N, C-alpha and C. Protein backbone atom coordinates (compact mmCIF):
# COMPACT_ATOMS: atom_id res chain seq x y z
N UNK A 1 -9.46 10.05 13.54
CA UNK A 1 -9.38 9.87 12.10
C UNK A 1 -9.17 11.24 11.46
N UNK A 2 -8.16 11.31 10.60
CA UNK A 2 -7.87 12.57 9.91
C UNK A 2 -8.84 12.78 8.74
N UNK A 3 -8.82 13.96 8.20
CA UNK A 3 -9.65 14.28 7.03
C UNK A 3 -9.31 13.36 5.86
N UNK A 4 -8.02 13.07 5.68
CA UNK A 4 -7.58 12.22 4.58
C UNK A 4 -8.14 10.81 4.74
N UNK A 5 -8.07 10.28 5.95
CA UNK A 5 -8.60 8.93 6.21
C UNK A 5 -10.12 8.92 6.06
N UNK A 6 -10.78 10.01 6.46
CA UNK A 6 -12.21 10.12 6.24
C UNK A 6 -12.53 9.98 4.76
N UNK A 7 -11.75 10.66 3.92
CA UNK A 7 -11.97 10.58 2.47
C UNK A 7 -11.74 9.16 1.93
N UNK A 8 -10.73 8.46 2.47
CA UNK A 8 -10.46 7.08 2.04
C UNK A 8 -11.69 6.22 2.30
N UNK A 9 -12.27 6.31 3.47
CA UNK A 9 -13.45 5.51 3.80
C UNK A 9 -14.70 6.02 3.08
N UNK A 10 -14.76 7.31 2.79
CA UNK A 10 -15.92 7.87 2.08
C UNK A 10 -16.02 7.34 0.66
N UNK A 11 -14.92 6.81 0.12
CA UNK A 11 -14.95 6.24 -1.23
C UNK A 11 -15.94 5.09 -1.33
N UNK A 12 -16.29 4.46 -0.21
CA UNK A 12 -17.20 3.31 -0.21
C UNK A 12 -18.66 3.73 -0.11
N UNK A 13 -18.90 4.99 0.05
CA UNK A 13 -20.26 5.47 0.27
C UNK A 13 -20.82 6.14 -0.99
N UNK A 14 -21.99 6.72 -0.82
CA UNK A 14 -22.70 7.39 -1.91
C UNK A 14 -21.84 8.40 -2.63
N UNK A 15 -21.04 9.17 -1.91
CA UNK A 15 -20.22 10.23 -2.49
C UNK A 15 -18.80 9.74 -2.81
N UNK A 16 -18.66 8.46 -3.11
CA UNK A 16 -17.36 7.85 -3.36
C UNK A 16 -16.52 8.52 -4.43
N UNK A 17 -17.13 8.85 -5.56
CA UNK A 17 -16.38 9.48 -6.65
C UNK A 17 -15.89 10.88 -6.25
N UNK A 18 -16.69 11.58 -5.48
CA UNK A 18 -16.29 12.90 -5.01
C UNK A 18 -15.11 12.79 -4.03
N UNK A 19 -15.17 11.80 -3.13
CA UNK A 19 -14.08 11.58 -2.18
C UNK A 19 -12.81 11.18 -2.92
N UNK A 20 -12.95 10.33 -3.93
CA UNK A 20 -11.80 9.92 -4.75
C UNK A 20 -11.17 11.14 -5.43
N UNK A 21 -12.00 12.00 -6.00
CA UNK A 21 -11.51 13.20 -6.68
C UNK A 21 -10.82 14.14 -5.68
N UNK A 22 -11.37 14.27 -4.48
CA UNK A 22 -10.76 15.13 -3.46
C UNK A 22 -9.39 14.58 -3.06
N UNK A 23 -9.28 13.28 -2.89
CA UNK A 23 -7.99 12.67 -2.57
C UNK A 23 -6.97 12.95 -3.68
N UNK A 24 -7.40 12.81 -4.93
CA UNK A 24 -6.49 13.08 -6.05
C UNK A 24 -6.00 14.53 -6.03
N UNK A 25 -6.89 15.45 -5.73
CA UNK A 25 -6.50 16.86 -5.64
C UNK A 25 -5.49 17.09 -4.51
N UNK A 26 -5.56 16.25 -3.48
CA UNK A 26 -4.65 16.34 -2.34
C UNK A 26 -3.37 15.53 -2.56
N UNK A 27 -3.25 14.90 -3.74
CA UNK A 27 -2.03 14.17 -4.07
C UNK A 27 -2.01 12.72 -3.65
N UNK A 28 -3.19 12.11 -3.48
CA UNK A 28 -3.30 10.72 -3.05
C UNK A 28 -4.14 9.95 -4.07
N UNK A 29 -3.58 8.87 -4.64
CA UNK A 29 -4.28 8.08 -5.65
C UNK A 29 -4.66 6.73 -5.05
N UNK A 30 -5.92 6.62 -4.59
CA UNK A 30 -6.45 5.35 -4.07
C UNK A 30 -7.76 5.08 -4.80
N UNK A 31 -7.72 4.27 -5.87
CA UNK A 31 -8.92 4.01 -6.67
C UNK A 31 -10.08 3.42 -5.87
N UNK A 32 -11.27 3.57 -6.38
CA UNK A 32 -12.47 3.07 -5.71
C UNK A 32 -12.42 1.57 -5.48
N UNK A 33 -11.73 0.83 -6.34
CA UNK A 33 -11.68 -0.64 -6.22
C UNK A 33 -10.78 -1.14 -5.09
N UNK A 34 -9.94 -0.29 -4.54
CA UNK A 34 -9.03 -0.70 -3.47
C UNK A 34 -9.82 -0.93 -2.18
N UNK A 35 -9.69 -2.13 -1.63
CA UNK A 35 -10.35 -2.46 -0.36
C UNK A 35 -9.43 -2.04 0.78
N UNK A 36 -9.97 -1.29 1.74
CA UNK A 36 -9.18 -0.80 2.87
C UNK A 36 -9.85 -1.25 4.16
N UNK A 37 -9.06 -1.91 5.03
CA UNK A 37 -9.57 -2.39 6.31
C UNK A 37 -9.76 -1.28 7.32
N UNK A 38 -10.09 -1.68 8.54
CA UNK A 38 -10.36 -0.72 9.62
C UNK A 38 -9.07 -0.10 10.16
N UNK A 39 -9.21 1.09 10.72
CA UNK A 39 -8.12 1.81 11.38
C UNK A 39 -6.93 2.07 10.47
N UNK A 40 -7.19 2.35 9.22
CA UNK A 40 -6.16 2.68 8.24
C UNK A 40 -5.54 4.02 8.62
N UNK A 41 -4.21 4.12 8.51
CA UNK A 41 -3.52 5.37 8.81
C UNK A 41 -2.77 5.86 7.58
N UNK A 42 -3.14 7.01 7.11
CA UNK A 42 -2.46 7.65 6.00
C UNK A 42 -1.65 8.78 6.62
N UNK A 43 -0.45 8.44 7.07
CA UNK A 43 0.37 9.37 7.84
C UNK A 43 0.72 10.64 7.07
N UNK A 44 0.67 11.77 7.74
CA UNK A 44 1.06 13.07 7.19
C UNK A 44 0.31 13.42 5.91
N UNK A 45 -0.91 12.93 5.78
CA UNK A 45 -1.72 13.23 4.61
C UNK A 45 -1.45 12.36 3.41
N UNK A 46 -0.38 11.57 3.46
CA UNK A 46 -0.13 10.62 2.38
C UNK A 46 0.21 11.24 1.03
N UNK A 47 0.72 12.44 1.01
CA UNK A 47 1.06 13.10 -0.26
C UNK A 47 1.93 12.18 -1.12
N UNK A 48 1.53 11.98 -2.36
CA UNK A 48 2.30 11.18 -3.29
C UNK A 48 2.04 9.69 -3.22
N UNK A 49 1.08 9.25 -2.41
CA UNK A 49 0.74 7.83 -2.33
C UNK A 49 -0.01 7.42 -3.59
N UNK A 50 0.42 6.31 -4.20
CA UNK A 50 -0.24 5.76 -5.39
C UNK A 50 -0.47 4.27 -5.15
N UNK A 51 -1.72 3.83 -5.23
CA UNK A 51 -2.06 2.44 -4.96
C UNK A 51 -2.77 1.85 -6.18
N UNK A 52 -2.29 0.68 -6.61
CA UNK A 52 -2.86 -0.01 -7.76
C UNK A 52 -4.30 -0.43 -7.47
N UNK A 53 -5.18 -0.40 -8.47
CA UNK A 53 -6.58 -0.78 -8.27
C UNK A 53 -6.78 -2.22 -7.77
N UNK A 54 -5.83 -3.11 -8.04
CA UNK A 54 -5.96 -4.51 -7.61
C UNK A 54 -5.24 -4.74 -6.27
N UNK A 55 -5.47 -3.84 -5.31
CA UNK A 55 -4.83 -3.92 -4.00
C UNK A 55 -5.88 -4.12 -2.92
N UNK A 56 -5.52 -4.95 -1.94
CA UNK A 56 -6.35 -5.15 -0.75
C UNK A 56 -5.48 -4.78 0.45
N UNK A 57 -5.99 -3.88 1.29
CA UNK A 57 -5.26 -3.40 2.46
C UNK A 57 -6.00 -3.85 3.71
N UNK A 58 -5.27 -4.49 4.63
CA UNK A 58 -5.86 -5.01 5.86
C UNK A 58 -6.11 -3.95 6.91
N UNK A 59 -6.33 -4.41 8.12
CA UNK A 59 -6.63 -3.55 9.26
C UNK A 59 -5.35 -2.97 9.87
N UNK A 60 -5.45 -1.75 10.37
CA UNK A 60 -4.37 -1.07 11.09
C UNK A 60 -3.08 -0.96 10.27
N UNK A 61 -3.22 -0.73 8.99
CA UNK A 61 -2.07 -0.53 8.11
C UNK A 61 -1.70 0.94 8.11
N UNK A 62 -0.41 1.22 8.23
CA UNK A 62 0.08 2.59 8.19
C UNK A 62 0.89 2.84 6.93
N UNK A 63 0.50 3.85 6.18
CA UNK A 63 1.19 4.20 4.94
C UNK A 63 1.68 5.64 5.05
N UNK A 64 2.97 5.83 4.80
CA UNK A 64 3.59 7.15 4.86
C UNK A 64 3.63 7.78 3.47
N UNK A 65 3.92 9.07 3.36
CA UNK A 65 3.94 9.76 2.07
C UNK A 65 4.89 9.12 1.07
N UNK A 66 4.51 9.20 -0.20
CA UNK A 66 5.37 8.75 -1.29
C UNK A 66 5.37 7.27 -1.56
N UNK A 67 4.51 6.51 -0.90
CA UNK A 67 4.46 5.06 -1.11
C UNK A 67 3.76 4.74 -2.43
N UNK A 68 4.30 3.76 -3.15
CA UNK A 68 3.68 3.26 -4.38
C UNK A 68 3.46 1.77 -4.25
N UNK A 69 2.25 1.31 -4.53
CA UNK A 69 1.92 -0.11 -4.63
C UNK A 69 1.44 -0.33 -6.05
N UNK A 70 2.20 -1.10 -6.85
CA UNK A 70 1.81 -1.23 -8.24
C UNK A 70 2.51 -2.35 -8.97
N UNK A 71 2.47 -2.25 -10.30
CA UNK A 71 3.06 -3.24 -11.20
C UNK A 71 4.51 -2.91 -11.48
N UNK A 72 5.33 -3.98 -11.53
CA UNK A 72 6.74 -3.79 -11.90
C UNK A 72 6.93 -3.84 -13.41
N UNK A 73 5.99 -4.45 -14.11
CA UNK A 73 6.15 -4.65 -15.56
C UNK A 73 5.31 -3.66 -16.36
N UNK A 74 5.47 -2.39 -16.07
CA UNK A 74 4.67 -1.37 -16.75
C UNK A 74 5.04 -1.21 -18.22
N UNK A 75 6.12 -1.81 -18.63
CA UNK A 75 6.54 -1.75 -20.03
C UNK A 75 5.66 -2.62 -20.92
N UNK A 76 4.87 -3.51 -20.34
CA UNK A 76 3.98 -4.35 -21.16
C UNK A 76 2.53 -3.95 -20.90
N UNK A 77 1.67 -4.11 -21.89
CA UNK A 77 0.26 -3.76 -21.70
C UNK A 77 -0.34 -4.55 -20.53
N UNK A 78 -1.25 -3.92 -19.80
CA UNK A 78 -1.86 -4.56 -18.63
C UNK A 78 -2.49 -5.90 -18.98
N UNK A 79 -3.08 -6.01 -20.17
CA UNK A 79 -3.72 -7.26 -20.57
C UNK A 79 -2.73 -8.41 -20.72
N UNK A 80 -1.45 -8.09 -20.93
CA UNK A 80 -0.42 -9.12 -21.10
C UNK A 80 0.35 -9.39 -19.81
N UNK A 81 0.07 -8.64 -18.76
CA UNK A 81 0.80 -8.78 -17.50
C UNK A 81 0.30 -9.99 -16.70
N UNK A 82 1.22 -10.66 -16.02
CA UNK A 82 0.88 -11.77 -15.13
C UNK A 82 0.59 -11.27 -13.71
N UNK A 83 0.67 -9.97 -13.50
CA UNK A 83 0.40 -9.35 -12.20
C UNK A 83 -1.08 -9.52 -11.85
N UNK A 84 -1.35 -10.01 -10.62
CA UNK A 84 -2.72 -10.22 -10.18
C UNK A 84 -3.14 -9.30 -9.04
N UNK A 85 -2.18 -8.65 -8.40
CA UNK A 85 -2.55 -7.72 -7.34
C UNK A 85 -1.59 -7.75 -6.17
N UNK A 86 -1.91 -6.93 -5.17
CA UNK A 86 -1.10 -6.81 -3.96
C UNK A 86 -2.03 -6.95 -2.76
N UNK A 87 -1.60 -7.75 -1.78
CA UNK A 87 -2.34 -7.90 -0.53
C UNK A 87 -1.43 -7.42 0.59
N UNK A 88 -1.89 -6.42 1.31
CA UNK A 88 -1.17 -5.89 2.47
C UNK A 88 -1.96 -6.36 3.69
N UNK A 89 -1.39 -7.28 4.44
CA UNK A 89 -2.11 -7.84 5.58
C UNK A 89 -2.14 -6.87 6.76
N UNK A 90 -2.81 -7.25 7.83
CA UNK A 90 -3.00 -6.40 9.01
C UNK A 90 -1.68 -5.96 9.64
N UNK A 91 -1.70 -4.78 10.23
CA UNK A 91 -0.61 -4.24 11.05
C UNK A 91 0.70 -3.99 10.30
N UNK A 92 0.65 -3.81 9.01
CA UNK A 92 1.84 -3.54 8.20
C UNK A 92 2.15 -2.04 8.24
N UNK A 93 3.45 -1.73 8.16
CA UNK A 93 3.90 -0.34 8.05
C UNK A 93 4.69 -0.20 6.76
N UNK A 94 4.31 0.76 5.93
CA UNK A 94 5.01 1.05 4.68
C UNK A 94 5.65 2.43 4.84
N UNK A 95 6.98 2.45 4.96
CA UNK A 95 7.73 3.68 5.22
C UNK A 95 7.69 4.66 4.05
N UNK A 96 8.02 5.90 4.34
CA UNK A 96 7.98 6.97 3.34
C UNK A 96 8.78 6.61 2.10
N UNK A 97 8.14 6.75 0.96
CA UNK A 97 8.82 6.51 -0.31
C UNK A 97 8.98 5.05 -0.70
N UNK A 98 8.46 4.12 0.10
CA UNK A 98 8.59 2.70 -0.23
C UNK A 98 7.86 2.38 -1.54
N UNK A 99 8.48 1.51 -2.33
CA UNK A 99 7.88 1.06 -3.59
C UNK A 99 7.68 -0.44 -3.50
N UNK A 100 6.45 -0.90 -3.66
CA UNK A 100 6.11 -2.32 -3.65
C UNK A 100 5.58 -2.62 -5.03
N UNK A 101 6.35 -3.40 -5.81
CA UNK A 101 6.05 -3.60 -7.22
C UNK A 101 6.00 -5.08 -7.56
N UNK A 102 4.84 -5.55 -7.97
CA UNK A 102 4.67 -6.96 -8.34
C UNK A 102 4.69 -7.15 -9.83
N UNK A 103 5.18 -8.32 -10.25
CA UNK A 103 5.21 -8.60 -11.69
C UNK A 103 4.44 -9.86 -12.08
N UNK A 104 4.23 -10.79 -11.13
CA UNK A 104 3.44 -11.98 -11.46
C UNK A 104 2.70 -12.46 -10.21
N UNK A 105 1.50 -12.95 -10.41
CA UNK A 105 0.71 -13.44 -9.30
C UNK A 105 0.35 -12.34 -8.32
N UNK A 106 0.13 -12.75 -7.07
CA UNK A 106 -0.21 -11.81 -6.01
C UNK A 106 1.01 -11.60 -5.13
N UNK A 107 1.39 -10.36 -4.97
CA UNK A 107 2.47 -10.01 -4.05
C UNK A 107 1.82 -9.76 -2.68
N UNK A 108 2.31 -10.49 -1.67
CA UNK A 108 1.71 -10.43 -0.34
C UNK A 108 2.72 -9.90 0.67
N UNK A 109 2.28 -8.92 1.46
CA UNK A 109 3.09 -8.40 2.56
C UNK A 109 2.45 -8.94 3.83
N UNK A 110 3.17 -9.84 4.52
CA UNK A 110 2.64 -10.54 5.67
C UNK A 110 2.30 -9.64 6.85
N UNK A 111 1.44 -10.16 7.69
CA UNK A 111 0.95 -9.44 8.87
C UNK A 111 2.11 -8.89 9.71
N UNK A 112 2.03 -7.61 10.04
CA UNK A 112 3.00 -6.98 10.91
C UNK A 112 4.35 -6.69 10.28
N UNK A 113 4.49 -6.90 8.98
CA UNK A 113 5.76 -6.63 8.30
C UNK A 113 5.98 -5.12 8.17
N UNK A 114 7.25 -4.77 7.96
CA UNK A 114 7.62 -3.36 7.76
C UNK A 114 8.45 -3.26 6.49
N UNK A 115 8.10 -2.34 5.62
CA UNK A 115 8.91 -2.02 4.45
C UNK A 115 9.46 -0.63 4.71
N UNK A 116 10.78 -0.54 4.82
CA UNK A 116 11.45 0.69 5.22
C UNK A 116 11.34 1.81 4.21
N UNK A 117 11.69 2.99 4.66
CA UNK A 117 11.65 4.19 3.81
C UNK A 117 12.51 4.00 2.57
N UNK A 118 11.96 4.34 1.43
CA UNK A 118 12.61 4.29 0.12
C UNK A 118 13.03 2.89 -0.32
N UNK A 119 12.57 1.85 0.34
CA UNK A 119 12.87 0.48 -0.08
C UNK A 119 12.13 0.17 -1.37
N UNK A 120 12.70 -0.74 -2.17
CA UNK A 120 12.04 -1.21 -3.40
C UNK A 120 11.85 -2.71 -3.25
N UNK A 121 10.61 -3.11 -2.97
CA UNK A 121 10.26 -4.50 -2.72
C UNK A 121 9.56 -5.08 -3.94
N UNK A 122 10.07 -6.21 -4.45
CA UNK A 122 9.50 -6.78 -5.68
C UNK A 122 8.99 -8.21 -5.52
N UNK A 123 8.86 -8.67 -4.28
CA UNK A 123 8.35 -10.03 -4.04
C UNK A 123 7.66 -10.08 -2.69
N UNK A 124 6.93 -11.15 -2.43
CA UNK A 124 6.20 -11.31 -1.18
C UNK A 124 7.15 -11.45 0.00
N UNK A 125 6.68 -11.02 1.17
CA UNK A 125 7.47 -11.17 2.40
C UNK A 125 6.57 -11.75 3.49
N UNK A 126 7.20 -12.42 4.44
CA UNK A 126 6.46 -13.11 5.50
C UNK A 126 6.07 -12.17 6.62
N UNK A 127 5.20 -12.66 7.49
CA UNK A 127 4.72 -11.90 8.64
C UNK A 127 5.88 -11.49 9.55
N UNK A 128 5.82 -10.25 10.03
CA UNK A 128 6.76 -9.77 11.01
C UNK A 128 8.15 -9.42 10.51
N UNK A 129 8.39 -9.56 9.22
CA UNK A 129 9.72 -9.26 8.69
C UNK A 129 9.89 -7.76 8.44
N UNK A 130 11.15 -7.29 8.54
CA UNK A 130 11.49 -5.90 8.25
C UNK A 130 12.41 -5.91 7.04
N UNK A 131 12.03 -5.18 6.01
CA UNK A 131 12.79 -5.12 4.76
C UNK A 131 13.18 -3.69 4.46
N UNK A 132 14.40 -3.50 3.96
CA UNK A 132 14.88 -2.16 3.63
C UNK A 132 15.88 -2.25 2.50
N UNK A 133 16.13 -1.13 1.84
CA UNK A 133 17.15 -1.04 0.81
C UNK A 133 16.62 -1.14 -0.60
N UNK A 134 17.57 -0.98 -1.54
CA UNK A 134 17.27 -1.04 -2.97
C UNK A 134 18.27 -1.99 -3.61
N UNK A 135 17.88 -3.17 -4.03
CA UNK A 135 16.57 -3.77 -3.80
C UNK A 135 16.40 -4.13 -2.33
N UNK A 136 15.14 -4.27 -1.91
CA UNK A 136 14.88 -4.54 -0.50
C UNK A 136 15.42 -5.91 -0.12
N UNK A 137 15.96 -5.96 1.10
CA UNK A 137 16.43 -7.22 1.67
C UNK A 137 16.01 -7.26 3.13
N UNK A 138 15.90 -8.45 3.67
CA UNK A 138 15.46 -8.61 5.05
C UNK A 138 16.56 -8.11 5.99
N UNK A 139 16.17 -7.20 6.90
CA UNK A 139 17.13 -6.65 7.85
C UNK A 139 16.76 -6.98 9.29
N UNK A 140 15.64 -7.63 9.50
CA UNK A 140 15.26 -7.99 10.87
C UNK A 140 13.82 -8.49 10.93
N UNK A 141 13.35 -8.66 12.18
CA UNK A 141 11.97 -9.05 12.41
C UNK A 141 11.41 -8.21 13.55
N UNK A 142 10.10 -8.05 13.51
CA UNK A 142 9.41 -7.31 14.57
C UNK A 142 9.12 -8.24 15.73
N UNK A 143 9.24 -7.71 16.92
CA UNK A 143 8.92 -8.50 18.11
C UNK A 143 7.42 -8.48 18.33
N UNK A 144 6.88 -9.61 18.80
CA UNK A 144 5.46 -9.69 19.14
C UNK A 144 5.19 -8.89 20.40
N UNK A 145 4.08 -8.21 20.43
CA UNK A 145 3.67 -7.49 21.64
C UNK A 145 3.08 -8.49 22.63
N UNK A 146 3.40 -8.32 23.88
CA UNK A 146 2.92 -9.27 24.92
C UNK A 146 1.47 -9.01 25.26
């Protein structure tokens, strides 16, 4: 576990606000309300990662630098938004610079899915799918490990 990942998990403990502040100083925005599963990987320190407070992250999720998980409708006040949050299921990989932006309901990234580098994803995707591009489109599926 890297120092950055230690700080992510420390947010749940007594010194949570201090860990949150340290992450912000290091260029990582993961609010205290974000639930993070086991074996979380914040690759290369996660510089520039921004995660919306209404996000749930599963187990063994890998997030690369520059990833944003948030609202697509930032032009309207939060109280008027139909956005309910983002769920990143287990074993997901979010490539460097990927943007996952929801505008209504819960945007769900299925187990084992991959969102490619610099992709802009604005809707839910199924388990094992690989999405890339702007706007993101399905480019393949991940093979199951035997």
